[in-house]
């Protein structure tokens, strides 16, 4: 049985993308990426995003790589 590699995506294309939590907390299940946090050095890649919960409007800053984490 082969294991499928994680999907690859460009963090620059994440802006306004929609996500669903695998394990919802406090009725927060649906999210939207509202901002890409640009690094201090322009040649560095984007590492962090601002994610907004649709239900509550709560905003959190997180690494874009955590979006594929099914345990969170």
N, C-alpha and C. Protein backbone atom coordinates (compact mmCIF):
# COMPACT_ATOMS: atom_id res chain seq x y z
N UNK A 1 0.85 -1.17 0.00
CA UNK A 1 0.00 0.00 0.00
C UNK A 1 0.89 1.24 0.00
N UNK A 2 0.76 2.08 -1.01
CA UNK A 2 1.59 3.27 -1.10
C UNK A 2 0.93 4.44 -0.38
N UNK A 3 1.77 5.26 0.20
CA UNK A 3 1.28 6.43 0.92
C UNK A 3 1.34 7.64 0.00
N UNK A 4 0.25 8.36 -0.11
CA UNK A 4 0.18 9.53 -0.98
C UNK A 4 0.96 10.68 -0.35
N UNK A 5 1.87 11.33 -1.10
CA UNK A 5 2.63 12.45 -0.53
C UNK A 5 1.71 13.65 -0.29
N UNK A 6 2.07 14.50 0.68
CA UNK A 6 1.23 15.67 0.93
C UNK A 6 1.19 16.57 -0.30
N UNK A 7 0.02 17.18 -0.51
CA UNK A 7 -0.11 18.05 -1.67
C UNK A 7 0.76 19.29 -1.49
N UNK A 8 1.29 19.77 -2.60
CA UNK A 8 2.13 20.96 -2.57
C UNK A 8 1.32 22.14 -3.08
N UNK A 9 1.53 23.28 -2.45
CA UNK A 9 0.89 24.47 -2.95
C UNK A 9 1.76 25.68 -2.65
N UNK A 10 1.55 26.71 -3.40
CA UNK A 10 2.31 27.93 -3.29
C UNK A 10 1.67 28.83 -2.23
N UNK A 11 2.41 29.24 -1.20
CA UNK A 11 1.80 30.08 -0.16
C UNK A 11 1.31 31.42 -0.69
N UNK A 12 1.87 31.91 -1.78
CA UNK A 12 1.41 33.18 -2.36
C UNK A 12 -0.01 33.07 -2.91
N UNK A 13 -0.48 31.86 -3.20
CA UNK A 13 -1.83 31.66 -3.73
C UNK A 13 -2.86 31.39 -2.63
N UNK A 14 -2.46 31.49 -1.38
CA UNK A 14 -3.36 31.20 -0.27
C UNK A 14 -4.33 32.33 0.06
N UNK A 15 -4.02 33.54 -0.33
CA UNK A 15 -4.85 34.68 0.03
C UNK A 15 -6.29 34.47 -0.42
N UNK A 16 -7.22 34.64 0.51
CA UNK A 16 -8.67 34.47 0.34
C UNK A 16 -9.09 33.02 0.09
N UNK A 17 -8.19 32.06 0.35
CA UNK A 17 -8.59 30.66 0.23
C UNK A 17 -9.40 30.26 1.47
N UNK A 18 -10.25 29.26 1.31
CA UNK A 18 -11.15 28.81 2.37
C UNK A 18 -10.71 27.46 2.89
N UNK A 19 -10.85 27.26 4.21
CA UNK A 19 -10.41 26.03 4.85
C UNK A 19 -11.46 25.56 5.84
N UNK A 20 -11.50 24.26 6.06
CA UNK A 20 -12.42 23.65 7.02
C UNK A 20 -11.61 22.89 8.05
N UNK A 21 -11.91 23.10 9.32
CA UNK A 21 -11.21 22.42 10.41
C UNK A 21 -11.60 20.96 10.45
N UNK A 22 -10.62 20.09 10.63
CA UNK A 22 -10.89 18.66 10.77
C UNK A 22 -11.57 18.39 12.13
N UNK A 23 -11.16 19.15 13.14
CA UNK A 23 -11.74 19.04 14.48
C UNK A 23 -12.16 20.44 14.91
N UNK A 24 -13.43 20.82 14.69
CA UNK A 24 -13.89 22.17 15.05
C UNK A 24 -13.83 22.42 16.55
N UNK A 25 -13.52 23.67 16.92
CA UNK A 25 -13.49 24.09 18.31
C UNK A 25 -14.33 25.36 18.46
N UNK A 26 -15.11 25.43 19.49
CA UNK A 26 -15.95 26.61 19.78
C UNK A 26 -16.79 27.03 18.57
N UNK A 27 -17.37 26.07 17.90
CA UNK A 27 -18.22 26.28 16.73
C UNK A 27 -17.47 26.91 15.55
N UNK A 28 -16.13 26.95 15.63
CA UNK A 28 -15.33 27.50 14.54
C UNK A 28 -14.89 26.35 13.63
N UNK A 29 -15.53 26.24 12.50
CA UNK A 29 -15.24 25.16 11.56
C UNK A 29 -14.70 25.68 10.24
N UNK A 30 -15.21 26.82 9.79
CA UNK A 30 -14.83 27.37 8.49
C UNK A 30 -13.94 28.60 8.68
N UNK A 31 -12.90 28.68 7.85
CA UNK A 31 -11.91 29.74 7.96
C UNK A 31 -11.56 30.29 6.58
N UNK A 32 -11.03 31.52 6.58
CA UNK A 32 -10.56 32.14 5.34
C UNK A 32 -9.22 32.83 5.62
N UNK A 33 -8.30 32.69 4.69
CA UNK A 33 -7.00 33.35 4.81
C UNK A 33 -7.20 34.80 4.39
N UNK A 34 -7.00 35.74 5.33
CA UNK A 34 -7.27 37.14 5.04
C UNK A 34 -6.00 37.95 4.76
N UNK A 35 -4.83 37.40 5.12
CA UNK A 35 -3.60 38.16 4.90
C UNK A 35 -2.39 37.23 4.88
N UNK A 36 -1.45 37.53 3.98
CA UNK A 36 -0.15 36.87 3.98
C UNK A 36 0.80 37.81 4.70
N UNK A 37 1.51 37.32 5.69
CA UNK A 37 2.44 38.16 6.43
C UNK A 37 3.79 38.08 5.73
N UNK A 38 4.17 39.21 5.13
CA UNK A 38 5.41 39.26 4.36
C UNK A 38 6.62 39.24 5.29
N UNK A 39 7.67 38.51 4.91
CA UNK A 39 8.88 38.46 5.74
C UNK A 39 9.64 39.79 5.67
N UNK A 40 10.55 39.99 6.63
CA UNK A 40 11.31 41.24 6.66
C UNK A 40 12.21 41.37 5.44
N UNK A 41 12.84 40.28 5.00
CA UNK A 41 13.65 40.31 3.79
C UNK A 41 12.77 39.93 2.61
N UNK A 42 12.69 40.79 1.60
CA UNK A 42 11.81 40.52 0.45
C UNK A 42 12.11 39.22 -0.29
N UNK A 43 13.34 38.76 -0.26
CA UNK A 43 13.69 37.53 -0.98
C UNK A 43 13.31 36.27 -0.20
N UNK A 44 12.94 36.42 1.06
CA UNK A 44 12.53 35.28 1.88
C UNK A 44 11.10 34.85 1.53
N UNK A 45 10.81 33.56 1.67
CA UNK A 45 9.45 33.10 1.37
C UNK A 45 8.46 33.47 2.48
N UNK A 46 7.19 33.50 2.14
CA UNK A 46 6.12 33.75 3.11
C UNK A 46 6.06 32.56 4.07
N UNK A 47 6.02 32.83 5.36
CA UNK A 47 5.95 31.77 6.36
C UNK A 47 4.64 31.78 7.14
N UNK A 48 4.06 32.97 7.34
CA UNK A 48 2.89 33.09 8.21
C UNK A 48 1.71 33.75 7.49
N UNK A 49 0.52 33.41 7.97
CA UNK A 49 -0.72 33.95 7.42
C UNK A 49 -1.62 34.39 8.56
N UNK A 50 -2.63 35.20 8.24
CA UNK A 50 -3.70 35.52 9.19
C UNK A 50 -4.92 34.75 8.73
N UNK A 51 -5.49 33.99 9.64
CA UNK A 51 -6.63 33.14 9.36
C UNK A 51 -7.81 33.62 10.19
N UNK A 52 -8.96 33.86 9.54
CA UNK A 52 -10.14 34.36 10.24
C UNK A 52 -11.22 33.30 10.28
N UNK A 53 -11.79 33.09 11.47
CA UNK A 53 -12.92 32.17 11.63
C UNK A 53 -14.16 32.85 11.10
N UNK A 54 -14.90 32.19 10.23
CA UNK A 54 -16.10 32.78 9.63
C UNK A 54 -17.18 32.98 10.69
N UNK A 55 -17.35 32.05 11.59
CA UNK A 55 -18.42 32.10 12.59
C UNK A 55 -18.23 33.25 13.59
N UNK A 56 -17.01 33.35 14.16
CA UNK A 56 -16.78 34.31 15.23
C UNK A 56 -16.02 35.55 14.80
N UNK A 57 -15.33 35.48 13.67
CA UNK A 57 -14.51 36.61 13.25
C UNK A 57 -13.16 36.67 13.94
N UNK A 58 -12.87 35.68 14.78
CA UNK A 58 -11.59 35.64 15.48
C UNK A 58 -10.46 35.46 14.47
N UNK A 59 -9.37 36.20 14.66
CA UNK A 59 -8.23 36.15 13.75
C UNK A 59 -7.05 35.55 14.49
N UNK A 60 -6.34 34.65 13.82
CA UNK A 60 -5.14 34.07 14.40
C UNK A 60 -4.02 34.07 13.37
N UNK A 61 -2.80 34.22 13.86
CA UNK A 61 -1.62 34.16 13.01
C UNK A 61 -1.03 32.77 13.16
N UNK A 62 -0.72 32.15 12.02
CA UNK A 62 -0.17 30.80 12.07
C UNK A 62 0.71 30.55 10.85
N UNK A 63 1.52 29.53 10.93
CA UNK A 63 2.33 29.12 9.79
C UNK A 63 1.40 28.52 8.73
N UNK A 64 1.61 28.86 7.47
CA UNK A 64 0.74 28.34 6.42
C UNK A 64 0.86 26.83 6.30
N UNK A 65 1.95 26.26 6.76
CA UNK A 65 2.14 24.80 6.69
C UNK A 65 1.19 24.04 7.62
N UNK A 66 0.69 24.73 8.65
CA UNK A 66 -0.25 24.10 9.58
C UNK A 66 -1.62 23.86 8.95
N UNK A 67 -1.90 24.47 7.81
CA UNK A 67 -3.20 24.28 7.17
C UNK A 67 -3.45 22.85 6.77
N UNK A 68 -2.41 22.11 6.47
CA UNK A 68 -2.56 20.70 6.06
C UNK A 68 -2.50 19.75 7.25
N UNK A 69 -2.35 20.26 8.46
CA UNK A 69 -2.27 19.42 9.65
C UNK A 69 -3.66 18.94 10.05
N UNK A 70 -3.96 17.68 9.83
CA UNK A 70 -5.28 17.14 10.13
C UNK A 70 -5.50 16.91 11.62
N UNK A 71 -4.45 16.99 12.44
CA UNK A 71 -4.57 16.76 13.87
C UNK A 71 -4.94 18.02 14.64
N UNK A 72 -4.87 19.18 13.99
CA UNK A 72 -5.13 20.44 14.70
C UNK A 72 -6.57 20.85 14.56
